[in-house]
C-alpha atoms as a PDB file:
ATOM      1  CA  GLN A   1      32.174  19.037   8.372  1.00  0.00           C
ATOM      2  CA  VAL A   2      30.499  19.173   4.952  1.00  0.00           C
ATOM      3  CA  GLN A   3      27.343  17.123   4.839  1.00  0.00           C
ATOM      4  CA  LEU A   4      24.851  16.514   2.056  1.00  0.00           C
ATOM      5  CA  VAL A   5      21.598  14.726   2.812  1.00  0.00           C
ATOM      6  CA  GLU A   6      19.222  13.511   0.127  1.00  0.00           C
ATOM      7  CA  SER A   7      15.584  12.828   0.845  1.00  0.00           C
ATOM      8  CA  GLY A   8      12.304  12.330  -0.967  1.00  0.00           C
ATOM      9  CA  GLY A   9      12.779   8.967  -2.621  1.00  0.00           C
ATOM     10  CA  GLY A  10      10.253   6.196  -2.521  1.00  0.00           C
ATOM     11  CA  LEU A  11       8.156   3.752  -4.493  1.00  0.00           C
ATOM     12  CA  VAL A  12       5.938   5.172  -7.227  1.00  0.00           C
ATOM     13  CA  GLN A  13       3.998   3.813 -10.167  1.00  0.00           C
ATOM     14  CA  PRO A  14       5.018   4.620 -13.734  1.00  0.00           C
ATOM     15  CA  GLY A  15       3.850   8.104 -14.576  1.00  0.00           C
ATOM     16  CA  GLY A  16       4.101   9.236 -10.986  1.00  0.00           C
ATOM     17  CA  SER A  17       6.154  12.048  -9.502  1.00  0.00           C
ATOM     18  CA  LEU A  18       8.646  12.605  -6.724  1.00  0.00           C
ATOM     19  CA  ARG A  19      10.590  15.594  -5.495  1.00  0.00           C
ATOM     20  CA  LEU A  20      14.067  14.924  -4.186  1.00  0.00           C
ATOM     21  CA  SER A  21      15.871  17.296  -1.858  1.00  0.00           C
ATOM     22  CA  CYS A  22      19.576  17.782  -1.231  1.00  0.00           C
ATOM     23  CA  ALA A  23      20.194  19.712   1.964  1.00  0.00           C
ATOM     24  CA  ALA A  24      23.695  20.926   2.743  1.00  0.00           C
ATOM     25  CA  SER A  25      25.536  21.934   5.871  1.00  0.00           C
ATOM     26  CA  GLY A  26      29.091  23.168   6.233  1.00  0.00           C
ATOM     27  CA  LEU A  27      29.000  24.506   2.677  1.00  0.00           C
ATOM     28  CA  THR A  28      27.034  27.175   0.826  1.00  0.00           C
ATOM     29  CA  LEU A  29      25.448  25.531  -2.180  1.00  0.00           C
ATOM     30  CA  ASP A  30      24.814  28.725  -4.140  1.00  0.00           C
ATOM     31  CA  THR A  31      28.558  29.124  -4.690  1.00  0.00           C
ATOM     32  CA  HIS A  32      28.821  25.663  -6.256  1.00  0.00           C
ATOM     33  CA  ALA A  33      27.368  23.737  -9.100  1.00  0.00           C
ATOM     34  CA  VAL A  34      25.318  20.856  -7.750  1.00  0.00           C
ATOM     35  CA  VAL A  35      24.916  17.653  -9.712  1.00  0.00           C
ATOM     36  CA  TRP A  36      22.330  14.952  -9.259  1.00  0.00           C
ATOM     37  CA  PHE A  37      23.658  11.502 -10.068  1.00  0.00           C
ATOM     38  CA  ARG A  38      21.903   8.181 -10.121  1.00  0.00           C
ATOM     39  CA  GLN A  39      23.117   4.621 -10.045  1.00  0.00           C
ATOM     40  CA  ALA A  40      21.043   1.601 -10.957  1.00  0.00           C
ATOM     41  CA  PRO A  41      22.123  -1.908  -9.912  1.00  0.00           C
ATOM     42  CA  GLY A  42      24.976  -3.103 -12.082  1.00  0.00           C
ATOM     43  CA  LYS A  43      25.239   0.245 -13.842  1.00  0.00           C
ATOM     44  CA  ALA A  44      27.702   3.107 -13.695  1.00  0.00           C
ATOM     45  CA  ARG A  45      26.851   6.194 -11.736  1.00  0.00           C
ATOM     46  CA  GLU A  46      25.643   8.823 -14.189  1.00  0.00           C
ATOM     47  CA  GLY A  47      24.988  12.513 -13.879  1.00  0.00           C
ATOM     48  CA  ILE A  48      21.390  13.397 -14.694  1.00  0.00           C
ATOM     49  CA  SER A  49      21.151  17.101 -13.930  1.00  0.00           C
ATOM     50  CA  CYS A  50      23.288  20.055 -12.905  1.00  0.00           C
ATOM     51  CA  ILE A  51      22.497  23.513 -11.607  1.00  0.00           C
ATOM     52  CA  SER A  52      25.238  26.109 -11.679  1.00  0.00           C
ATOM     53  CA  GLY A  53      26.339  28.541  -9.075  1.00  0.00           C
ATOM     54  CA  TYR A  54      26.538  32.201  -9.986  1.00  0.00           C
ATOM     55  CA  VAL A  55      27.674  32.617 -13.605  1.00  0.00           C
ATOM     56  CA  GLY A  56      28.343  36.235 -14.490  1.00  0.00           C
ATOM     57  CA  SER A  57      24.997  38.011 -14.470  1.00  0.00           C
ATOM     58  CA  THR A  58      23.073  34.746 -14.658  1.00  0.00           C
ATOM     59  CA  TYR A  59      22.288  32.445 -11.792  1.00  0.00           C
ATOM     60  CA  GLY A  60      21.071  28.906 -11.868  1.00  0.00           C
ATOM     61  CA  ILE A  61      21.915  27.666 -15.349  1.00  0.00           C
ATOM     62  CA  THR A  62      20.601  24.124 -15.640  1.00  0.00           C
ATOM     63  CA  ARG A  63      21.639  21.068 -17.640  1.00  0.00           C
ATOM     64  CA  TYR A  64      19.983  17.684 -18.126  1.00  0.00           C
ATOM     65  CA  ARG A  65      20.859  14.310 -19.485  1.00  0.00           C
ATOM     66  CA  ASP A  66      18.793  13.609 -22.587  1.00  0.00           C
ATOM     67  CA  SER A  67      16.919  10.728 -20.983  1.00  0.00           C
ATOM     68  CA  VAL A  68      15.323  13.029 -18.384  1.00  0.00           C
ATOM     69  CA  LYS A  69      14.812  16.220 -20.390  1.00  0.00           C
ATOM     70  CA  GLY A  70      11.253  17.455 -20.230  1.00  0.00           C
ATOM     71  CA  ARG A  71      10.487  15.285 -17.203  1.00  0.00           C
ATOM     72  CA  PHE A  72      12.919  16.427 -14.503  1.00  0.00           C
ATOM     73  CA  THR A  73      13.513  19.939 -13.206  1.00  0.00           C
ATOM     74  CA  ILE A  74      16.389  20.996 -10.981  1.00  0.00           C
ATOM     75  CA  SER A  75      16.124  24.074  -8.780  1.00  0.00           C
ATOM     76  CA  ARG A  76      17.580  25.573  -5.644  1.00  0.00           C
ATOM     77  CA  ASP A  77      16.396  27.476  -2.591  1.00  0.00           C
ATOM     78  CA  ASN A  78      19.360  29.437  -1.328  1.00  0.00           C
ATOM     79  CA  ALA A  79      17.629  30.445   1.896  1.00  0.00           C
ATOM     80  CA  LYS A  80      17.307  26.763   2.765  1.00  0.00           C
ATOM     81  CA  ASN A  81      20.699  25.823   1.298  1.00  0.00           C
ATOM     82  CA  THR A  82      18.873  23.097  -0.587  1.00  0.00           C
ATOM     83  CA  VAL A  83      18.750  21.855  -4.169  1.00  0.00           C
ATOM     84  CA  TYR A  84      15.715  19.999  -5.495  1.00  0.00           C
ATOM     85  CA  LEU A  85      15.012  17.589  -8.290  1.00  0.00           C
ATOM     86  CA  GLN A  86      11.381  17.446  -9.361  1.00  0.00           C
ATOM     87  CA  MET A  87      10.800  14.205 -11.233  1.00  0.00           C
ATOM     88  CA  ASN A  88       7.619  13.820 -13.267  1.00  0.00           C
ATOM     89  CA  ASN A  89       6.334  11.077 -15.540  1.00  0.00           C
ATOM     90  CA  LEU A  90       8.641   8.573 -13.922  1.00  0.00           C
ATOM     91  CA  LYS A  91       9.549   5.434 -15.816  1.00  0.00           C
ATOM     92  CA  PRO A  92      10.813   2.051 -14.614  1.00  0.00           C
ATOM     93  CA  GLU A  93      14.213   2.865 -16.080  1.00  0.00           C
ATOM     94  CA  ASP A  94      14.460   5.766 -13.623  1.00  0.00           C
ATOM     95  CA  THR A  95      14.778   3.254 -10.791  1.00  0.00           C
ATOM     96  CA  ALA A  96      18.089   3.938  -9.054  1.00  0.00           C
ATOM     97  CA  VAL A  97      19.724   5.395  -6.009  1.00  0.00           C
ATOM     98  CA  TYR A  98      19.882   9.157  -6.463  1.00  0.00           C
ATOM     99  CA  TYR A  99      22.766  11.192  -5.084  1.00  0.00           C
ATOM    100  CA  CYS A 100      23.660  14.850  -4.980  1.00  0.00           C
ATOM    101  CA  ALA A 101      27.269  15.895  -5.219  1.00  0.00           C
ATOM    102  CA  VAL A 102      29.509  18.952  -5.287  1.00  0.00           C
ATOM    103  CA  GLU A 103      33.113  19.430  -6.325  1.00  0.00           C
ATOM    104  CA  SER A 104      35.436  22.098  -4.990  1.00  0.00           C
ATOM    105  CA  GLY A 105      35.834  24.807  -7.614  1.00  0.00           C
ATOM    106  CA  TYR A 106      33.110  23.467  -9.906  1.00  0.00           C
ATOM    107  CA  GLN A 107      30.680  26.293 -10.560  1.00  0.00           C
ATOM    108  CA  TYR A 108      29.399  26.353 -14.124  1.00  0.00           C
ATOM    109  CA  CYS A 109      28.181  22.832 -14.950  1.00  0.00           C
ATOM    110  CA  SER A 110      30.868  22.781 -17.614  1.00  0.00           C
ATOM    111  CA  GLY A 111      31.115  19.523 -19.515  1.00  0.00           C
ATOM    112  CA  PHE A 112      27.850  18.165 -18.199  1.00  0.00           C
ATOM    113  CA  PRO A 113      26.663  15.404 -18.676  1.00  0.00           C
ATOM    114  CA  GLY A 114      30.216  14.264 -19.347  1.00  0.00           C
ATOM    115  CA  THR A 115      31.234  14.979 -15.765  1.00  0.00           C
ATOM    116  CA  VAL A 116      32.991  12.159 -13.942  1.00  0.00           C
ATOM    117  CA  ALA A 117      31.562  11.033 -10.621  1.00  0.00           C
ATOM    118  CA  SER A 118      34.987  10.222  -9.223  1.00  0.00           C
ATOM    119  CA  ASP A 119      35.967  13.889  -9.513  1.00  0.00           C
ATOM    120  CA  PHE A 120      33.378  15.045  -6.983  1.00  0.00           C
ATOM    121  CA  ASP A 121      34.456  15.784  -3.445  1.00  0.00           C
ATOM    122  CA  HIS A 122      31.235  15.641  -1.453  1.00  0.00           C
ATOM    123  CA  TRP A 123      28.353  13.213  -1.652  1.00  0.00           C
ATOM    124  CA  GLY A 124      25.192  12.442   0.167  1.00  0.00           C
ATOM    125  CA  GLN A 125      24.272   8.893   1.118  1.00  0.00           C
ATOM    126  CA  GLY A 126      21.633   8.621  -1.576  1.00  0.00           C
ATOM    127  CA  THR A 127      17.904   8.096  -1.676  1.00  0.00           C
ATOM    128  CA  GLN A 128      16.228   5.155  -3.374  1.00  0.00           C
ATOM    129  CA  VAL A 129      13.741   5.768  -6.163  1.00  0.00           C
ATOM    130  CA  THR A 130      11.781   2.755  -7.360  1.00  0.00           C
ATOM    131  CA  VAL A 131       9.321   3.025 -10.237  1.00  0.00           C
ATOM    132  CA  SER A 132       7.185  -0.068 -10.594  1.00  0.00           C
ATOM    133  CA  SER A 133       3.603  -1.124 -11.136  1.00  0.00           C
END
């Protein structure tokens, strides 16, 4: 019943930009932390960004892996039940399949980027991002 669908990937030149979307059904994303993962060929799946659900009086706390800080921005549109990842100044090493994921009871992005992919309950099918000249 829960479905996550990523979109927005494609082929871009180094320095280019893409915006990825993660649209959810059967689940309200604003009550969950949402994590963007990526997996390059032959590499482990790694978390690259997290946006929290409601945390006390603050909403939408964000976290980033060091390799994407200053280039990627995660955000959400609760009315559309969608989380976005704006990716700027893309580099060849950003080439990967990008996934969004949620875990039951995970709300605060705690431990990120040390979160373990195998702990997440719901995944999209991924969207390919290729950065090449």
